[in-house]
Amino acid sequence: MIAVVFANAQVVASDAPSVLRLAMVQPGDIAIVAIVFGTVGSIAFPIVRAWARRLEGRTSATLPLAGVEERLERIERAVDAMSIEVERISEGQRFVTKLLAERAPMQIPPHTL
């Protein structure tokens, strides 16, 4: 319907006042309004989107943190157990090295070709 009104306004523009003149709207005013709304929309949309993500992140961030302390305790215990086992292995290696060093040197057979 708006296209019809604008089409009719262009047809009778020579004889009668146009629709834009009747509404007291200048053609440049429409461009200014479009620029203002476009600018406000391009600034407001990312801000609202970031705010919504922040609100969404608050609820989802608290749920996984509930089991983190328990998991960290288990990891800490596992690391402690591994360090004790590594210390036992190194003690055993030192003992075997000491025994081999105390032995009499082996006689190396002469190399014959």
N, C-alpha and C. Protein backbone atom coordinates (compact mmCIF):
# COMPACT_ATOMS: atom_id res chain seq x y z
N MET A 1 0.82 -1.18 0.00
CA MET A 1 0.00 0.00 0.00
C MET A 1 0.87 1.25 0.00
N ILE A 2 2.00 1.20 0.70
CA ILE A 2 2.89 2.36 0.73
C ILE A 2 3.45 2.62 -0.65
N ALA A 3 3.78 1.56 -1.39
CA ALA A 3 4.29 1.73 -2.74
C ALA A 3 3.26 2.38 -3.63
N VAL A 4 2.00 2.01 -3.44
CA VAL A 4 0.92 2.60 -4.24
C VAL A 4 0.79 4.08 -3.91
N VAL A 5 0.88 4.43 -2.62
CA VAL A 5 0.76 5.83 -2.23
C VAL A 5 1.91 6.64 -2.83
N PHE A 6 3.14 6.11 -2.75
CA PHE A 6 4.28 6.82 -3.32
C PHE A 6 4.17 6.90 -4.84
N ALA A 7 3.66 5.85 -5.48
CA ALA A 7 3.49 5.87 -6.93
C ALA A 7 2.45 6.92 -7.31
N ASN A 8 1.36 6.98 -6.57
CA ASN A 8 0.34 7.98 -6.85
C ASN A 8 0.87 9.38 -6.58
N ALA A 9 1.70 9.54 -5.58
CA ALA A 9 2.25 10.85 -5.27
C ALA A 9 3.17 11.31 -6.39
N GLN A 10 3.89 10.42 -7.01
CA GLN A 10 4.76 10.81 -8.12
C GLN A 10 3.96 11.16 -9.36
N VAL A 11 2.85 10.47 -9.56
CA VAL A 11 2.04 10.72 -10.75
C VAL A 11 1.38 12.08 -10.67
N VAL A 12 0.86 12.44 -9.52
CA VAL A 12 0.13 13.70 -9.39
C VAL A 12 0.97 14.80 -8.76
N ALA A 13 2.29 14.61 -8.75
CA ALA A 13 3.16 15.59 -8.10
C ALA A 13 3.10 16.94 -8.78
N SER A 14 2.80 16.98 -10.05
CA SER A 14 2.78 18.26 -10.75
C SER A 14 1.56 19.09 -10.36
N ASP A 15 0.42 18.46 -10.08
CA ASP A 15 -0.80 19.19 -9.80
C ASP A 15 -1.07 19.35 -8.31
N ALA A 16 -0.85 18.28 -7.53
CA ALA A 16 -1.23 18.32 -6.12
C ALA A 16 0.03 18.17 -5.25
N PRO A 17 -0.07 18.58 -3.98
CA PRO A 17 1.08 18.41 -3.09
C PRO A 17 1.35 16.92 -2.87
N SER A 18 2.62 16.55 -2.72
CA SER A 18 2.98 15.14 -2.56
C SER A 18 2.67 14.67 -1.15
N VAL A 19 2.75 13.36 -0.96
CA VAL A 19 2.50 12.76 0.34
C VAL A 19 3.53 13.25 1.35
N LEU A 20 4.78 13.36 0.91
CA LEU A 20 5.82 13.83 1.81
C LEU A 20 5.57 15.27 2.26
N ARG A 21 5.06 16.11 1.36
CA ARG A 21 4.76 17.49 1.74
C ARG A 21 3.59 17.55 2.71
N LEU A 22 2.61 16.67 2.54
CA LEU A 22 1.47 16.66 3.45
C LEU A 22 1.89 16.25 4.86
N ALA A 23 2.85 15.33 4.99
CA ALA A 23 3.31 14.85 6.29
C ALA A 23 4.39 15.75 6.87
N MET A 24 4.81 16.78 6.14
CA MET A 24 5.86 17.71 6.56
C MET A 24 7.18 16.99 6.78
N VAL A 25 7.46 15.98 5.95
CA VAL A 25 8.70 15.22 6.03
C VAL A 25 9.53 15.56 4.80
N GLN A 26 10.74 15.98 5.03
CA GLN A 26 11.65 16.27 3.93
C GLN A 26 12.35 14.97 3.51
N PRO A 27 12.72 14.85 2.25
CA PRO A 27 13.38 13.62 1.80
C PRO A 27 14.69 13.33 2.56
N GLY A 28 15.43 14.32 2.97
CA GLY A 28 16.66 14.12 3.72
C GLY A 28 16.42 13.63 5.13
N ASP A 29 15.22 13.91 5.69
CA ASP A 29 14.89 13.47 7.05
C ASP A 29 14.83 11.95 7.15
N ILE A 30 14.35 11.31 6.09
CA ILE A 30 14.26 9.85 6.10
C ILE A 30 15.66 9.25 6.17
N ALA A 31 16.60 9.81 5.45
CA ALA A 31 17.98 9.31 5.49
C ALA A 31 18.58 9.52 6.87
N ILE A 32 18.31 10.65 7.49
CA ILE A 32 18.85 10.93 8.82
C ILE A 32 18.29 9.93 9.84
N VAL A 33 17.01 9.66 9.77
CA VAL A 33 16.39 8.70 10.69
C VAL A 33 16.99 7.30 10.48
N ALA A 34 17.19 6.91 9.23
CA ALA A 34 17.79 5.61 8.95
C ALA A 34 19.21 5.53 9.49
N ILE A 35 19.97 6.60 9.34
CA ILE A 35 21.34 6.62 9.85
C ILE A 35 21.35 6.52 11.37
N VAL A 36 20.47 7.26 12.03
CA VAL A 36 20.43 7.25 13.49
C VAL A 36 20.05 5.86 14.00
N PHE A 37 18.99 5.28 13.45
CA PHE A 37 18.58 3.95 13.91
C PHE A 37 19.62 2.89 13.56
N GLY A 38 20.26 3.02 12.42
CA GLY A 38 21.32 2.08 12.06
C GLY A 38 22.50 2.16 13.00
N THR A 39 22.89 3.37 13.37
CA THR A 39 24.01 3.56 14.29
C THR A 39 23.68 3.03 15.67
N VAL A 40 22.51 3.38 16.18
CA VAL A 40 22.10 2.91 17.51
C VAL A 40 21.99 1.38 17.51
N GLY A 41 21.44 0.83 16.46
CA GLY A 41 21.32 -0.63 16.39
C GLY A 41 22.67 -1.32 16.31
N SER A 42 23.59 -0.75 15.54
CA SER A 42 24.90 -1.39 15.42
C SER A 42 25.72 -1.27 16.70
N ILE A 43 25.43 -0.28 17.53
CA ILE A 43 26.12 -0.15 18.81
C ILE A 43 25.42 -0.98 19.88
N ALA A 44 24.11 -0.95 19.92
CA ALA A 44 23.35 -1.61 20.97
C ALA A 44 23.34 -3.13 20.81
N PHE A 45 23.30 -3.63 19.59
CA PHE A 45 23.21 -5.08 19.38
C PHE A 45 24.39 -5.83 19.98
N PRO A 46 25.65 -5.45 19.72
CA PRO A 46 26.77 -6.19 20.34
C PRO A 46 26.79 -6.07 21.86
N ILE A 47 26.37 -4.92 22.38
CA ILE A 47 26.35 -4.75 23.83
C ILE A 47 25.31 -5.67 24.46
N VAL A 48 24.14 -5.73 23.90
CA VAL A 48 23.08 -6.61 24.41
C VAL A 48 23.49 -8.07 24.27
N ARG A 49 24.14 -8.41 23.16
CA ARG A 49 24.59 -9.78 22.95
C ARG A 49 25.65 -10.19 23.98
N ALA A 50 26.60 -9.29 24.24
CA ALA A 50 27.63 -9.58 25.24
C ALA A 50 27.02 -9.71 26.63
N TRP A 51 26.07 -8.87 26.92
CA TRP A 51 25.39 -8.93 28.23
C TRP A 51 24.66 -10.26 28.38
N ALA A 52 23.98 -10.69 27.32
CA ALA A 52 23.26 -11.97 27.36
C ALA A 52 24.23 -13.14 27.53
N ARG A 53 25.37 -13.10 26.84
CA ARG A 53 26.36 -14.16 27.00
C ARG A 53 26.93 -14.18 28.42
N ARG A 54 27.10 -13.00 28.98
CA ARG A 54 27.62 -12.92 30.35
C ARG A 54 26.63 -13.53 31.33
N LEU A 55 25.34 -13.22 31.15
CA LEU A 55 24.32 -13.81 32.03
C LEU A 55 24.26 -15.32 31.85
N GLU A 56 24.36 -15.77 30.61
CA GLU A 56 24.32 -17.20 30.34
C GLU A 56 25.55 -17.89 30.91
N GLY A 57 26.70 -17.23 30.87
CA GLY A 57 27.93 -17.81 31.38
C GLY A 57 27.94 -17.95 32.88
N ARG A 58 27.23 -17.08 33.58
CA ARG A 58 27.19 -17.17 35.04
C ARG A 58 26.58 -18.47 35.50
N THR A 59 25.49 -18.85 34.90
CA THR A 59 24.81 -20.07 35.35
C THR A 59 25.59 -21.31 34.94
N SER A 60 26.16 -21.32 33.73
CA SER A 60 26.87 -22.52 33.28
C SER A 60 28.25 -22.63 33.90
N ALA A 61 28.85 -21.53 34.34
CA ALA A 61 30.19 -21.57 34.92
C ALA A 61 30.16 -22.14 36.34
N THR A 62 29.05 -21.99 37.04
CA THR A 62 29.00 -22.47 38.41
C THR A 62 28.78 -23.98 38.47
N LEU A 63 28.14 -24.55 37.47
CA LEU A 63 27.86 -25.99 37.50
C LEU A 63 29.11 -26.85 37.41
N PRO A 64 30.04 -26.63 36.47
CA PRO A 64 31.22 -27.50 36.40
C PRO A 64 32.17 -27.30 37.57
N LEU A 65 32.15 -26.17 38.24
CA LEU A 65 33.07 -25.92 39.34
C LEU A 65 32.73 -26.74 40.58
N ALA A 66 31.58 -27.34 40.60
CA ALA A 66 31.16 -28.10 41.77
C ALA A 66 32.08 -29.31 42.01
N GLY A 67 32.55 -29.99 41.00
CA GLY A 67 33.37 -31.18 41.17
C GLY A 67 34.85 -30.94 40.99
N VAL A 68 35.25 -29.70 40.77
CA VAL A 68 36.66 -29.42 40.48
C VAL A 68 37.54 -29.69 41.68
N GLU A 69 37.11 -29.30 42.87
CA GLU A 69 37.93 -29.51 44.06
C GLU A 69 38.16 -30.99 44.32
N GLU A 70 37.12 -31.77 44.16
CA GLU A 70 37.25 -33.22 44.36
C GLU A 70 38.22 -33.83 43.35
N ARG A 71 38.11 -33.40 42.09
CA ARG A 71 39.01 -33.91 41.06
C ARG A 71 40.45 -33.50 41.34
N LEU A 72 40.65 -32.27 41.78
CA LEU A 72 42.01 -31.81 42.08
C LEU A 72 42.62 -32.61 43.23
N GLU A 73 41.81 -32.95 44.23
CA GLU A 73 42.31 -33.77 45.34
C GLU A 73 42.74 -35.15 44.85
N ARG A 74 41.93 -35.75 43.96
CA ARG A 74 42.30 -37.05 43.41
C ARG A 74 43.58 -36.98 42.59
N ILE A 75 43.73 -35.94 41.82
CA ILE A 75 44.94 -35.75 41.02
C ILE A 75 46.15 -35.58 41.93
N GLU A 76 45.98 -34.80 43.00
CA GLU A 76 47.08 -34.59 43.94
C GLU A 76 47.51 -35.90 44.59
N ARG A 77 46.54 -36.71 44.99
CA ARG A 77 46.87 -38.01 45.59
C ARG A 77 47.58 -38.92 44.60
N ALA A 78 47.14 -38.90 43.36
CA ALA A 78 47.77 -39.74 42.33
C ALA A 78 49.21 -39.30 42.07
N VAL A 79 49.44 -37.99 42.03
CA VAL A 79 50.80 -37.49 41.81
C VAL A 79 51.69 -37.87 42.99
N ASP A 80 51.17 -37.77 44.21
CA ASP A 80 51.95 -38.17 45.39
C ASP A 80 52.31 -39.65 45.34
N ALA A 81 51.36 -40.49 44.95
CA ALA A 81 51.62 -41.93 44.86
C ALA A 81 52.67 -42.22 43.79
N MET A 82 52.59 -41.52 42.65
CA MET A 82 53.58 -41.73 41.59
C MET A 82 54.96 -41.28 42.03
N SER A 83 55.05 -40.18 42.77
CA SER A 83 56.37 -39.72 43.22
C SER A 83 56.99 -40.71 44.20
N ILE A 84 56.19 -41.32 45.05
CA ILE A 84 56.71 -42.34 45.98
C ILE A 84 57.22 -43.55 45.21
N GLU A 85 56.46 -43.99 44.18
CA GLU A 85 56.89 -45.14 43.38
C GLU A 85 58.17 -44.82 42.61
N VAL A 86 58.30 -43.63 42.09
CA VAL A 86 59.51 -43.26 41.36
C VAL A 86 60.70 -43.25 42.32
N GLU A 87 60.50 -42.78 43.54
CA GLU A 87 61.57 -42.79 44.54
C GLU A 87 61.99 -44.22 44.87
N ARG A 88 61.05 -45.14 44.98
CA ARG A 88 61.38 -46.55 45.24
C ARG A 88 62.18 -47.14 44.09
N ILE A 89 61.78 -46.83 42.86
CA ILE A 89 62.50 -47.34 41.69
C ILE A 89 63.93 -46.80 41.67
N SER A 90 64.08 -45.52 41.97
CA SER A 90 65.43 -44.95 41.95
C SER A 90 66.30 -45.54 43.07
N GLU A 91 65.71 -45.81 44.23
CA GLU A 91 66.47 -46.47 45.32
C GLU A 91 66.92 -47.86 44.89
N GLY A 92 66.06 -48.61 44.26
CA GLY A 92 66.41 -49.94 43.76
C GLY A 92 67.51 -49.87 42.72
N GLN A 93 67.44 -48.90 41.85
CA GLN A 93 68.46 -48.75 40.82
C GLN A 93 69.81 -48.41 41.46
N ARG A 94 69.81 -47.54 42.47
CA ARG A 94 71.05 -47.21 43.16
C ARG A 94 71.65 -48.46 43.85
N PHE A 95 70.78 -49.26 44.45
CA PHE A 95 71.24 -50.48 45.13
C PHE A 95 71.88 -51.45 44.14
N VAL A 96 71.22 -51.67 43.00
CA VAL A 96 71.76 -52.60 42.00
C VAL A 96 73.06 -52.06 41.44
N THR A 97 73.15 -50.77 41.21
CA THR A 97 74.38 -50.17 40.70
C THR A 97 75.52 -50.34 41.70
N LYS A 98 75.22 -50.17 42.97
CA LYS A 98 76.23 -50.34 44.02
C LYS A 98 76.72 -51.78 44.06
N LEU A 99 75.81 -52.75 43.98
CA LEU A 99 76.20 -54.16 43.98
C LEU A 99 77.09 -54.50 42.79
N LEU A 100 76.74 -54.00 41.63
CA LEU A 100 77.54 -54.28 40.44
C LEU A 100 78.91 -53.62 40.52
N ALA A 101 78.97 -52.47 41.15
CA ALA A 101 80.26 -51.78 41.27
C ALA A 101 81.17 -52.48 42.26
N GLU A 102 80.62 -53.11 43.29
CA GLU A 102 81.42 -53.80 44.31
C GLU A 102 81.95 -55.15 43.82
N ARG A 103 81.34 -55.73 42.84
CA ARG A 103 81.79 -57.01 42.29
C ARG A 103 83.17 -56.86 41.69
N ALA A 104 83.82 -57.99 41.63
CA ALA A 104 85.12 -57.98 40.97
C ALA A 104 84.91 -57.76 39.49
N PRO A 105 85.81 -57.04 38.89
CA PRO A 105 85.64 -56.80 37.46
C PRO A 105 85.68 -58.10 36.68
N MET A 106 84.87 -58.21 35.70
CA MET A 106 84.79 -59.42 34.89
C MET A 106 85.99 -59.48 33.96
N GLN A 107 86.41 -60.67 33.73
CA GLN A 107 87.51 -60.88 32.78
C GLN A 107 86.93 -60.84 31.37
N ILE A 108 87.46 -59.97 30.59
CA ILE A 108 86.99 -59.89 29.21
C ILE A 108 87.84 -60.85 28.39
N PRO A 109 87.19 -61.78 27.68
CA PRO A 109 87.95 -62.72 26.88
C PRO A 109 88.67 -61.99 25.75
N PRO A 110 89.86 -62.50 25.40
CA PRO A 110 90.56 -61.84 24.30
C PRO A 110 89.79 -61.99 23.00
N HIS A 111 89.92 -61.00 22.22
CA HIS A 111 89.17 -60.95 20.96
C HIS A 111 89.97 -61.69 19.89
N THR A 112 89.37 -62.72 19.38
CA THR A 112 90.06 -63.48 18.34
C THR A 112 89.26 -63.41 17.05
N LEU A 113 89.97 -63.28 16.02
CA LEU A 113 89.31 -63.26 14.70
C LEU A 113 89.65 -64.46 13.93
